[in-house]
Amino acid sequence: MKTPQSMTGYGKGAAGNFKVEIRSSNHKNLDIHINMPYFLFPFEPEIKKIIKKTIERGHIEIFVPKQEMDNIKLKVNKSLAREYYNAFVSLRDELSLSDNIGIFMKG
């Protein structure tokens, strides 16, 4: 591993709809802090693993801002949605359930 000349740095980049900022500063041990949207939390261990492979020490801050939702276009596969709905209705009837089949969001 190449020894860095300085542990202080800043960088930013983008991939797809994601933007990432990384800051590093001198620190006796490796101290990694990641600030990202909740839906990316499952990736945190892998991100830390990658960082630990290349950096031995320092204070590392990673910031992934929440995506701008205005520019994201959602495409619905209507035939697939219809198949899922029909499967749920069939299951409801087979199990003699009285509830209606619908779409809802928990918030």
PDB file of N, CA and C in Angstrom:
ATOM      1  N   MET A   1       0.832  -1.177   0.000  1.00  0.00           N
ATOM      2  CA  MET A   1       0.000   0.000   0.000  1.00  0.00           C
ATOM      3  C   MET A   1       0.880   1.245   0.000  1.00  0.00           C
ATOM      4  N   LYS A   2       0.547   2.174  -0.840  1.00  0.00           N
ATOM      5  CA  LYS A   2       1.295   3.422  -0.934  1.00  0.00           C
ATOM      6  C   LYS A   2       0.949   4.328   0.251  1.00  0.00           C
ATOM      7  N   THR A   3       1.966   4.910   0.864  1.00  0.00           N
ATOM      8  CA  THR A   3       1.740   5.810   1.986  1.00  0.00           C
ATOM      9  C   THR A   3       1.285   7.163   1.468  1.00  0.00           C
ATOM     10  N   PRO A   4       0.141   7.661   1.972  1.00  0.00           N
ATOM     11  CA  PRO A   4      -0.346   8.958   1.494  1.00  0.00           C
ATOM     12  C   PRO A   4       0.548  10.097   1.976  1.00  0.00           C
ATOM     13  N   GLN A   5       0.637  11.145   1.167  1.00  0.00           N
ATOM     14  CA  GLN A   5       1.417  12.322   1.537  1.00  0.00           C
ATOM     15  C   GLN A   5       0.668  13.175   2.559  1.00  0.00           C
ATOM     16  N   SER A   6      -0.669  13.154   2.468  1.00  0.00           N
ATOM     17  CA  SER A   6      -1.494  13.927   3.386  1.00  0.00           C
ATOM     18  C   SER A   6      -2.782  13.163   3.621  1.00  0.00           C
ATOM     19  N   MET A   7      -3.315  13.265   4.827  1.00  0.00           N
ATOM     20  CA  MET A   7      -4.564  12.589   5.135  1.00  0.00           C
ATOM     21  C   MET A   7      -5.749  13.524   5.005  1.00  0.00           C
ATOM     22  N   THR A   8      -5.501  14.768   4.710  1.00  0.00           N
ATOM     23  CA  THR A   8      -6.580  15.730   4.576  1.00  0.00           C
ATOM     24  C   THR A   8      -6.951  15.853   3.109  1.00  0.00           C
ATOM     25  N   GLY A   9      -8.243  15.696   2.833  1.00  0.00           N
ATOM     26  CA  GLY A   9      -8.673  15.787   1.450  1.00  0.00           C
ATOM     27  C   GLY A   9     -10.174  15.904   1.334  1.00  0.00           C
ATOM     28  N   TYR A  10     -10.609  16.236   0.132  1.00  0.00           N
ATOM     29  CA  TYR A  10     -12.036  16.371  -0.160  1.00  0.00           C
ATOM     30  C   TYR A  10     -12.246  15.956  -1.611  1.00  0.00           C
ATOM     31  N   GLY A  11     -13.323  15.253  -1.834  1.00  0.00           N
ATOM     32  CA  GLY A  11     -13.647  14.877  -3.199  1.00  0.00           C
ATOM     33  C   GLY A  11     -15.143  14.694  -3.346  1.00  0.00           C
ATOM     34  N   LYS A  12     -15.616  14.869  -4.561  1.00  0.00           N
ATOM     35  CA  LYS A  12     -17.038  14.626  -4.812  1.00  0.00           C
ATOM     36  C   LYS A  12     -17.181  14.052  -6.206  1.00  0.00           C
ATOM     37  N   GLY A  13     -18.263  13.329  -6.396  1.00  0.00           N
ATOM     38  CA  GLY A  13     -18.507  12.708  -7.683  1.00  0.00           C
ATOM     39  C   GLY A  13     -19.962  12.304  -7.789  1.00  0.00           C
ATOM     40  N   ALA A  14     -20.318  11.768  -8.937  1.00  0.00           N
ATOM     41  CA  ALA A  14     -21.698  11.353  -9.172  1.00  0.00           C
ATOM     42  C   ALA A  14     -21.699  10.084 -10.003  1.00  0.00           C
ATOM     43  N   ALA A  15     -22.696   9.257  -9.747  1.00  0.00           N
ATOM     44  CA  ALA A  15     -22.923   8.049 -10.537  1.00  0.00           C
ATOM     45  C   ALA A  15     -24.427   7.852 -10.629  1.00  0.00           C
ATOM     46  N   GLY A  16     -24.935   7.891 -11.837  1.00  0.00           N
ATOM     47  CA  GLY A  16     -26.388   7.789 -12.001  1.00  0.00           C
ATOM     48  C   GLY A  16     -27.076   8.960 -11.341  1.00  0.00           C
ATOM     49  N   ASN A  17     -28.035   8.674 -10.491  1.00  0.00           N
ATOM     50  CA  ASN A  17     -28.754   9.726  -9.769  1.00  0.00           C
ATOM     51  C   ASN A  17     -28.114  10.058  -8.430  1.00  0.00           C
ATOM     52  N   PHE A  18     -27.009   9.422  -8.090  1.00  0.00           N
ATOM     53  CA  PHE A  18     -26.391   9.615  -6.785  1.00  0.00           C
ATOM     54  C   PHE A  18     -25.197  10.553  -6.854  1.00  0.00           C
ATOM     55  N   LYS A  19     -25.107  11.411  -5.843  1.00  0.00           N
ATOM     56  CA  LYS A  19     -23.945  12.277  -5.655  1.00  0.00           C
ATOM     57  C   LYS A  19     -23.283  11.848  -4.349  1.00  0.00           C
ATOM     58  N   VAL A  20     -21.970  11.916  -4.306  1.00  0.00           N
ATOM     59  CA  VAL A  20     -21.228  11.505  -3.121  1.00  0.00           C
ATOM     60  C   VAL A  20     -20.147  12.528  -2.827  1.00  0.00           C
ATOM     61  N   GLU A  21     -19.998  12.882  -1.547  1.00  0.00           N
ATOM     62  CA  GLU A  21     -18.911  13.751  -1.098  1.00  0.00           C
ATOM     63  C   GLU A  21     -18.126  12.990  -0.039  1.00  0.00           C
ATOM     64  N   ILE A  22     -16.803  13.081  -0.112  1.00  0.00           N
ATOM     65  CA  ILE A  22     -15.947  12.407   0.858  1.00  0.00           C
ATOM     66  C   ILE A  22     -14.931  13.401   1.394  1.00  0.00           C
ATOM     67  N   ARG A  23     -14.785  13.429   2.707  1.00  0.00           N
ATOM     68  CA  ARG A  23     -13.788  14.283   3.358  1.00  0.00           C
ATOM     69  C   ARG A  23     -12.917  13.400   4.239  1.00  0.00           C
ATOM     70  N   SER A  24     -11.660  13.699   4.281  1.00  0.00           N
ATOM     71  CA  SER A  24     -10.758  12.962   5.166  1.00  0.00           C
ATOM     72  C   SER A  24      -9.874  13.957   5.908  1.00  0.00           C
ATOM     73  N   SER A  25      -9.521  13.590   7.121  1.00  0.00           N
ATOM     74  CA  SER A  25      -8.604  14.415   7.911  1.00  0.00           C
ATOM     75  C   SER A  25      -7.750  13.513   8.782  1.00  0.00           C
ATOM     76  N   ASN A  26      -6.684  14.062   9.314  1.00  0.00           N
ATOM     77  CA  ASN A  26      -5.740  13.298  10.110  1.00  0.00           C
ATOM     78  C   ASN A  26      -6.414  12.781  11.381  1.00  0.00           C
ATOM     79  N   HIS A  27      -6.162  11.525  11.678  1.00  0.00           N
ATOM     80  CA  HIS A  27      -6.690  10.920  12.890  1.00  0.00           C
ATOM     81  C   HIS A  27      -5.831   9.714  13.210  1.00  0.00           C
ATOM     82  N   LYS A  28      -5.619   9.451  14.486  1.00  0.00           N
ATOM     83  CA  LYS A  28      -4.755   8.365  14.929  1.00  0.00           C
ATOM     84  C   LYS A  28      -5.241   6.994  14.451  1.00  0.00           C
ATOM     85  N   ASN A  29      -6.536   6.761  14.490  1.00  0.00           N
ATOM     86  CA  ASN A  29      -7.134   5.492  14.078  1.00  0.00           C
ATOM     87  C   ASN A  29      -7.998   5.714  12.842  1.00  0.00           C
ATOM     88  N   LEU A  30      -8.551   4.642  12.321  1.00  0.00           N
ATOM     89  CA  LEU A  30      -9.494   4.762  11.208  1.00  0.00           C
ATOM     90  C   LEU A  30     -10.890   4.973  11.789  1.00  0.00           C
ATOM     91  N   ASP A  31     -11.487   6.098  11.478  1.00  0.00           N
ATOM     92  CA  ASP A  31     -12.794   6.497  12.000  1.00  0.00           C
ATOM     93  C   ASP A  31     -13.679   6.857  10.806  1.00  0.00           C
ATOM     94  N   ILE A  32     -14.654   6.011  10.494  1.00  0.00           N
ATOM     95  CA  ILE A  32     -15.482   6.193   9.304  1.00  0.00           C
ATOM     96  C   ILE A  32     -16.902   6.574   9.712  1.00  0.00           C
ATOM     97  N   HIS A  33     -17.385   7.684   9.164  1.00  0.00           N
ATOM     98  CA  HIS A  33     -18.763   8.126   9.384  1.00  0.00           C
ATOM     99  C   HIS A  33     -19.444   8.242   8.025  1.00  0.00           C
ATOM    100  N   ILE A  34     -20.625   7.612   7.898  1.00  0.00           N
ATOM    101  CA  ILE A  34     -21.360   7.651   6.639  1.00  0.00           C
ATOM    102  C   ILE A  34     -22.743   8.242   6.893  1.00  0.00           C
ATOM    103  N   ASN A  35     -23.063   9.284   6.147  1.00  0.00           N
ATOM    104  CA  ASN A  35     -24.374   9.928   6.232  1.00  0.00           C
ATOM    105  C   ASN A  35     -25.057   9.721   4.889  1.00  0.00           C
ATOM    106  N   MET A  36     -26.106   8.880   4.883  1.00  0.00           N
ATOM    107  CA  MET A  36     -26.780   8.568   3.629  1.00  0.00           C
ATOM    108  C   MET A  36     -28.253   8.284   3.896  1.00  0.00           C
ATOM    109  N   PRO A  37     -29.072   8.306   2.847  1.00  0.00           N
ATOM    110  CA  PRO A  37     -30.496   8.011   3.016  1.00  0.00           C
ATOM    111  C   PRO A  37     -30.705   6.596   3.561  1.00  0.00           C
ATOM    112  N   TYR A  38     -31.795   6.413   4.287  1.00  0.00           N
ATOM    113  CA  TYR A  38     -32.069   5.142   4.959  1.00  0.00           C
ATOM    114  C   TYR A  38     -32.101   3.943   4.013  1.00  0.00           C
ATOM    115  N   PHE A  39     -32.546   4.135   2.767  1.00  0.00           N
ATOM    116  CA  PHE A  39     -32.652   2.993   1.860  1.00  0.00           C
ATOM    117  C   PHE A  39     -31.289   2.478   1.406  1.00  0.00           C
ATOM    118  N   LEU A  40     -30.229   3.207   1.714  1.00  0.00           N
ATOM    119  CA  LEU A  40     -28.876   2.750   1.380  1.00  0.00           C
ATOM    120  C   LEU A  40     -28.177   2.085   2.569  1.00  0.00           C
ATOM    121  N   PHE A  41     -28.805   2.084   3.754  1.00  0.00           N
ATOM    122  CA  PHE A  41     -28.186   1.508   4.950  1.00  0.00           C
ATOM    123  C   PHE A  41     -27.673   0.080   4.759  1.00  0.00           C
ATOM    124  N   PRO A  42     -28.367  -0.785   4.004  1.00  0.00           N
ATOM    125  CA  PRO A  42     -27.840  -2.151   3.841  1.00  0.00           C
ATOM    126  C   PRO A  42     -26.456  -2.196   3.184  1.00  0.00           C
ATOM    127  N   PHE A  43     -26.052  -1.123   2.499  1.00  0.00           N
ATOM    128  CA  PHE A  43     -24.759  -1.093   1.813  1.00  0.00           C
ATOM    129  C   PHE A  43     -23.632  -0.576   2.707  1.00  0.00           C
ATOM    130  N   GLU A  44     -23.953  -0.083   3.891  1.00  0.00           N
ATOM    131  CA  GLU A  44     -22.939   0.520   4.758  1.00  0.00           C
ATOM    132  C   GLU A  44     -21.797  -0.439   5.107  1.00  0.00           C
ATOM    133  N   PRO A  45     -22.056  -1.692   5.504  1.00  0.00           N
ATOM    134  CA  PRO A  45     -20.925  -2.581   5.813  1.00  0.00           C
ATOM    135  C   PRO A  45     -19.981  -2.794   4.630  1.00  0.00           C
ATOM    136  N   GLU A  46     -20.531  -2.921   3.444  1.00  0.00           N
ATOM    137  CA  GLU A  46     -19.683  -3.127   2.258  1.00  0.00           C
ATOM    138  C   GLU A  46     -18.860  -1.874   1.953  1.00  0.00           C
ATOM    139  N   ILE A  47     -19.449  -0.701   2.122  1.00  0.00           N
ATOM    140  CA  ILE A  47     -18.722   0.556   1.904  1.00  0.00           C
ATOM    141  C   ILE A  47     -17.551   0.651   2.873  1.00  0.00           C
ATOM    142  N   LYS A  48     -17.811   0.361   4.144  1.00  0.00           N
ATOM    143  CA  LYS A  48     -16.742   0.411   5.148  1.00  0.00           C
ATOM    144  C   LYS A  48     -15.649  -0.612   4.851  1.00  0.00           C
ATOM    145  N   LYS A  49     -16.036  -1.777   4.381  1.00  0.00           N
ATOM    146  CA  LYS A  49     -15.071  -2.825   4.041  1.00  0.00           C
ATOM    147  C   LYS A  49     -14.139  -2.358   2.921  1.00  0.00           C
ATOM    148  N   ILE A  50     -14.709  -1.707   1.913  1.00  0.00           N
ATOM    149  CA  ILE A  50     -13.910  -1.199   0.785  1.00  0.00           C
ATOM    150  C   ILE A  50     -12.935  -0.129   1.267  1.00  0.00           C
ATOM    151  N   ILE A  51     -13.416   0.761   2.129  1.00  0.00           N
ATOM    152  CA  ILE A  51     -12.549   1.833   2.647  1.00  0.00           C
ATOM    153  C   ILE A  51     -11.404   1.239   3.463  1.00  0.00           C
ATOM    154  N   LYS A  52     -11.712   0.258   4.297  1.00  0.00           N
ATOM    155  CA  LYS A  52     -10.680  -0.348   5.154  1.00  0.00           C
ATOM    156  C   LYS A  52      -9.596  -1.069   4.352  1.00  0.00           C
ATOM    157  N   LYS A  53      -9.929  -1.495   3.141  1.00  0.00           N
ATOM    158  CA  LYS A  53      -8.936  -2.150   2.287  1.00  0.00           C
ATOM    159  C   LYS A  53      -7.899  -1.163   1.761  1.00  0.00           C
ATOM    160  N   THR A  54      -8.283   0.113   1.641  1.00  0.00           N
ATOM    161  CA  THR A  54      -7.381   1.081   1.022  1.00  0.00           C
ATOM    162  C   THR A  54      -6.851   2.149   1.970  1.00  0.00           C
ATOM    163  N   ILE A  55      -7.501   2.334   3.106  1.00  0.00           N
ATOM    164  CA  ILE A  55      -7.090   3.393   4.036  1.00  0.00           C
ATOM    165  C   ILE A  55      -6.852   2.789   5.411  1.00  0.00           C
ATOM    166  N   GLU A  56      -5.711   3.108   6.022  1.00  0.00           N
ATOM    167  CA  GLU A  56      -5.351   2.529   7.314  1.00  0.00           C
ATOM    168  C   GLU A  56      -5.767   3.401   8.494  1.00  0.00           C
ATOM    169  N   ARG A  57      -5.727   4.701   8.314  1.00  0.00           N
ATOM    170  CA  ARG A  57      -6.067   5.594   9.421  1.00  0.00           C
ATOM    171  C   ARG A  57      -6.597   6.910   8.891  1.00  0.00           C
ATOM    172  N   GLY A  58      -7.233   7.664   9.782  1.00  0.00           N
ATOM    173  CA  GLY A  58      -7.789   8.946   9.413  1.00  0.00           C
ATOM    174  C   GLY A  58      -9.273   9.010   9.751  1.00  0.00           C
ATOM    175  N   HIS A  59      -9.789  10.206   9.763  1.00  0.00           N
ATOM    176  CA  HIS A  59     -11.216  10.445   9.984  1.00  0.00           C
ATOM    177  C   HIS A  59     -11.853  10.617   8.604  1.00  0.00           C
ATOM    178  N   ILE A  60     -12.735   9.697   8.233  1.00  0.00           N
ATOM    179  CA  ILE A  60     -13.352   9.685   6.912  1.00  0.00           C
ATOM    180  C   ILE A  60     -14.831   9.982   7.053  1.00  0.00           C
ATOM    181  N   GLU A  61     -15.308  10.988   6.352  1.00  0.00           N
ATOM    182  CA  GLU A  61     -16.732  11.318   6.341  1.00  0.00           C
ATOM    183  C   GLU A  61     -17.250  11.150   4.918  1.00  0.00           C
ATOM    184  N   ILE A  62     -18.320  10.384   4.779  1.00  0.00           N
ATOM    185  CA  ILE A  62     -18.952  10.166   3.480  1.00  0.00           C
ATOM    186  C   ILE A  62     -20.371  10.695   3.575  1.00  0.00           C
ATOM    187  N   PHE A  63     -20.737  11.532   2.622  1.00  0.00           N
ATOM    188  CA  PHE A  63     -22.069  12.131   2.607  1.00  0.00           C
ATOM    189  C   PHE A  63     -22.733  11.828   1.268  1.00  0.00           C
ATOM    190  N   VAL A  64     -23.880  11.180   1.336  1.00  0.00           N
ATOM    191  CA  VAL A  64     -24.675  10.896   0.139  1.00  0.00           C
ATOM    192  C   VAL A  64     -26.004  11.621   0.327  1.00  0.00           C
ATOM    193  N   PRO A  65     -26.176  12.778  -0.309  1.00  0.00           N
ATOM    194  CA  PRO A  65     -27.429  13.514  -0.117  1.00  0.00           C
ATOM    195  C   PRO A  65     -28.619  12.752  -0.685  1.00  0.00           C
ATOM    196  N   LYS A  66     -29.774  13.030  -0.134  1.00  0.00           N
ATOM    197  CA  LYS A  66     -31.003  12.415  -0.625  1.00  0.00           C
ATOM    198  C   LYS A  66     -31.214  12.825  -2.074  1.00  0.00           C
ATOM    199  N   GLN A  67     -31.681  11.877  -2.883  1.00  0.00           N
ATOM    200  CA  GLN A  67     -31.889  12.130  -4.312  1.00  0.00           C
ATOM    201  C   GLN A  67     -32.990  13.170  -4.525  1.00  0.00           C
ATOM    202  N   GLU A  68     -32.815  13.940  -5.565  1.00  0.00           N
ATOM    203  CA  GLU A  68     -33.870  14.841  -6.006  1.00  0.00           C
ATOM    204  C   GLU A  68     -34.912  14.003  -6.727  1.00  0.00           C
ATOM    205  N   MET A  69     -36.115  14.004  -6.241  1.00  0.00           N
ATOM    206  CA  MET A  69     -37.152  13.153  -6.810  1.00  0.00           C
ATOM    207  C   MET A  69     -37.868  13.796  -7.993  1.00  0.00           C
ATOM    208  N   ASP A  70     -37.656  15.084  -8.232  1.00  0.00           N
ATOM    209  CA  ASP A  70     -38.362  15.780  -9.313  1.00  0.00           C
ATOM    210  C   ASP A  70     -38.019  15.237 -10.695  1.00  0.00           C
ATOM    211  N   ASN A  71     -36.781  14.817 -10.893  1.00  0.00           N
ATOM    212  CA  ASN A  71     -36.337  14.399 -12.218  1.00  0.00           C
ATOM    213  C   ASN A  71     -36.455  12.891 -12.471  1.00  0.00           C
ATOM    214  N   ILE A  72     -36.946  12.146 -11.478  1.00  0.00           N
ATOM    215  CA  ILE A  72     -37.034  10.702 -11.617  1.00  0.00           C
ATOM    216  C   ILE A  72     -38.375  10.330 -12.234  1.00  0.00           C
ATOM    217  N   LYS A  73     -38.310   9.592 -13.302  1.00  0.00           N
ATOM    218  CA  LYS A  73     -39.511   9.143 -14.006  1.00  0.00           C
ATOM    219  C   LYS A  73     -39.760   7.686 -13.637  1.00  0.00           C
ATOM    220  N   LEU A  74     -40.954   7.398 -13.180  1.00  0.00           N
ATOM    221  CA  LEU A  74     -41.329   6.047 -12.810  1.00  0.00           C
ATOM    222  C   LEU A  74     -42.074   5.399 -13.962  1.00  0.00           C
ATOM    223  N   LYS A  75     -41.648   4.206 -14.331  1.00  0.00           N
ATOM    224  CA  LYS A  75     -42.319   3.453 -15.389  1.00  0.00           C
ATOM    225  C   LYS A  75     -42.988   2.249 -14.750  1.00  0.00           C
ATOM    226  N   VAL A  76     -44.274   2.079 -15.000  1.00  0.00           N
ATOM    227  CA  VAL A  76     -45.033   0.972 -14.439  1.00  0.00           C
ATOM    228  C   VAL A  76     -45.234  -0.094 -15.511  1.00  0.00           C
ATOM    229  N   ASN A  77     -44.897  -1.311 -15.172  1.00  0.00           N
ATOM    230  CA  ASN A  77     -45.158  -2.442 -16.055  1.00  0.00           C
ATOM    231  C   ASN A  77     -46.600  -2.869 -15.772  1.00  0.00           C
ATOM    232  N   LYS A  78     -47.537  -2.332 -16.562  1.00  0.00           N
ATOM    233  CA  LYS A  78     -48.957  -2.546 -16.295  1.00  0.00           C
ATOM    234  C   LYS A  78     -49.365  -4.003 -16.416  1.00  0.00           C
ATOM    235  N   SER A  79     -48.818  -4.709 -17.385  1.00  0.00           N
ATOM    236  CA  SER A  79     -49.196  -6.118 -17.533  1.00  0.00           C
ATOM    237  C   SER A  79     -48.723  -6.937 -16.329  1.00  0.00           C
ATOM    238  N   LEU A  80     -47.533  -6.643 -15.823  1.00  0.00           N
ATOM    239  CA  LEU A  80     -47.035  -7.345 -14.646  1.00  0.00           C
ATOM    240  C   LEU A  80     -47.871  -6.985 -13.417  1.00  0.00           C
ATOM    241  N   ALA A  81     -48.209  -5.709 -13.258  1.00  0.00           N
ATOM    242  CA  ALA A  81     -49.045  -5.274 -12.140  1.00  0.00           C
ATOM    243  C   ALA A  81     -50.409  -5.968 -12.196  1.00  0.00           C
ATOM    244  N   ARG A  82     -50.971  -6.083 -13.381  1.00  0.00           N
ATOM    245  CA  ARG A  82     -52.264  -6.755 -13.558  1.00  0.00           C
ATOM    246  C   ARG A  82     -52.156  -8.229 -13.154  1.00  0.00           C
ATOM    247  N   GLU A  83     -51.047  -8.882 -13.532  1.00  0.00           N
ATOM    248  CA  GLU A  83     -50.834 -10.286 -13.167  1.00  0.00           C
ATOM    249  C   GLU A  83     -50.739 -10.457 -11.645  1.00  0.00           C
ATOM    250  N   TYR A  84     -50.003  -9.540 -10.990  1.00  0.00           N
ATOM    251  CA  TYR A  84     -49.915  -9.592  -9.531  1.00  0.00           C
ATOM    252  C   TYR A  84     -51.295  -9.408  -8.901  1.00  0.00           C
ATOM    253  N   TYR A  85     -52.036  -8.438  -9.387  1.00  0.00           N
ATOM    254  CA  TYR A  85     -53.373  -8.177  -8.849  1.00  0.00           C
ATOM    255  C   TYR A  85     -54.257  -9.411  -9.007  1.00  0.00           C
ATOM    256  N   ASN A  86     -54.264 -10.004 -10.199  1.00  0.00           N
ATOM    257  CA  ASN A  86     -55.085 -11.198 -10.437  1.00  0.00           C
ATOM    258  C   ASN A  86     -54.659 -12.359  -9.534  1.00  0.00           C
ATOM    259  N   ALA A  87     -53.354 -12.497  -9.298  1.00  0.00           N
ATOM    260  CA  ALA A  87     -52.861 -13.550  -8.417  1.00  0.00           C
ATOM    261  C   ALA A  87     -53.337 -13.321  -6.985  1.00  0.00           C
ATOM    262  N   PHE A  88     -53.303 -12.064  -6.533  1.00  0.00           N
ATOM    263  CA  PHE A  88     -53.775 -11.748  -5.180  1.00  0.00           C
ATOM    264  C   PHE A  88     -55.276 -11.998  -5.043  1.00  0.00           C
ATOM    265  N   VAL A  89     -56.050 -11.612  -6.045  1.00  0.00           N
ATOM    266  CA  VAL A  89     -57.496 -11.839  -6.023  1.00  0.00           C
ATOM    267  C   VAL A  89     -57.788 -13.335  -5.987  1.00  0.00           C
ATOM    268  N   SER A  90     -57.078 -14.104  -6.799  1.00  0.00           N
ATOM    269  CA  SER A  90     -57.247 -15.552  -6.821  1.00  0.00           C
ATOM    270  C   SER A  90     -56.923 -16.161  -5.464  1.00  0.00           C
ATOM    271  N   LEU A  91     -55.848 -15.716  -4.848  1.00  0.00           N
ATOM    272  CA  LEU A  91     -55.455 -16.206  -3.532  1.00  0.00           C
ATOM    273  C   LEU A  91     -56.489 -15.822  -2.479  1.00  0.00           C
ATOM    274  N   ARG A  92     -56.976 -14.597  -2.555  1.00  0.00           N
ATOM    275  CA  ARG A  92     -58.011 -14.133  -1.621  1.00  0.00           C
ATOM    276  C   ARG A  92     -59.240 -15.033  -1.716  1.00  0.00           C
ATOM    277  N   ASP A  93     -59.680 -15.321  -2.955  1.00  0.00           N
ATOM    278  CA  ASP A  93     -60.860 -16.161  -3.156  1.00  0.00           C
ATOM    279  C   ASP A  93     -60.615 -17.592  -2.669  1.00  0.00           C
ATOM    280  N   GLU A  94     -59.422 -18.116  -2.951  1.00  0.00           N
ATOM    281  CA  GLU A  94     -59.092 -19.486  -2.552  1.00  0.00           C
ATOM    282  C   GLU A  94     -59.071 -19.635  -1.034  1.00  0.00           C
ATOM    283  N   LEU A  95     -58.605 -18.582  -0.349  1.00  0.00           N
ATOM    284  CA  LEU A  95     -58.519 -18.617   1.112  1.00  0.00           C
ATOM    285  C   LEU A  95     -59.773 -18.089   1.794  1.00  0.00           C
ATOM    286  N   SER A  96     -60.769 -17.710   0.992  1.00  0.00           N
ATOM    287  CA  SER A  96     -62.039 -17.168   1.503  1.00  0.00           C
ATOM    288  C   SER A  96     -61.824 -15.957   2.410  1.00  0.00           C
ATOM    289  N   LEU A  97     -60.963 -15.057   1.991  1.00  0.00           N
ATOM    290  CA  LEU A  97     -60.716 -13.824   2.744  1.00  0.00           C
ATOM    291  C   LEU A  97     -61.725 -12.767   2.329  1.00  0.00           C
ATOM    292  N   SER A  98     -62.100 -11.907   3.268  1.00  0.00           N
ATOM    293  CA  SER A  98     -63.104 -10.890   2.946  1.00  0.00           C
ATOM    294  C   SER A  98     -62.490  -9.532   2.626  1.00  0.00           C
ATOM    295  N   ASP A  99     -61.206  -9.366   2.873  1.00  0.00           N
ATOM    296  CA  ASP A  99     -60.562  -8.064   2.637  1.00  0.00           C
ATOM    297  C   ASP A  99     -60.449  -7.760   1.162  1.00  0.00           C
ATOM    298  N   ASN A 100     -60.533  -6.475   0.839  1.00  0.00           N
ATOM    299  CA  ASN A 100     -60.307  -6.045  -0.537  1.00  0.00           C
ATOM    300  C   ASN A 100     -58.818  -6.017  -0.829  1.00  0.00           C
ATOM    301  N   ILE A 101     -58.475  -6.201  -2.094  1.00  0.00           N
ATOM    302  CA  ILE A 101     -57.091  -6.109  -2.533  1.00  0.00           C
ATOM    303  C   ILE A 101     -56.856  -4.665  -2.966  1.00  0.00           C
ATOM    304  N   GLY A 102     -55.831  -4.018  -2.421  1.00  0.00           N
ATOM    305  CA  GLY A 102     -55.559  -2.628  -2.760  1.00  0.00           C
ATOM    306  C   GLY A 102     -54.081  -2.301  -2.622  1.00  0.00           C
ATOM    307  N   ILE A 103     -53.772  -1.103  -2.957  1.00  0.00           N
ATOM    308  CA  ILE A 103     -52.399  -0.616  -2.831  1.00  0.00           C
ATOM    309  C   ILE A 103     -52.396   0.454  -1.745  1.00  0.00           C
ATOM    310  N   PHE A 104     -51.453   0.360  -0.826  1.00  0.00           N
ATOM    311  CA  PHE A 104     -51.343   1.350   0.234  1.00  0.00           C
ATOM    312  C   PHE A 104     -49.880   1.587   0.533  1.00  0.00           C
ATOM    313  N   MET A 105     -49.613   2.704   1.197  1.00  0.00           N
ATOM    314  CA  MET A 105     -48.249   3.030   1.581  1.00  0.00           C
ATOM    315  C   MET A 105     -48.226   3.268   3.074  1.00  0.00           C
ATOM    316  N   LYS A 106     -47.193   2.770   3.718  1.00  0.00           N
ATOM    317  CA  LYS A 106     -46.983   3.083   5.132  1.00  0.00           C
ATOM    318  C   LYS A 106     -46.069   4.298   5.177  1.00  0.00           C
ATOM    319  N   GLY A 107     -46.319   5.186   6.016  1.00  0.00           N
ATOM    320  CA  GLY A 107     -45.467   6.359   6.063  1.00  0.00           C
ATOM    321  C   GLY A 107     -45.174   6.711   7.399  1.00  0.00           C
TER     322      GLY A 107
END
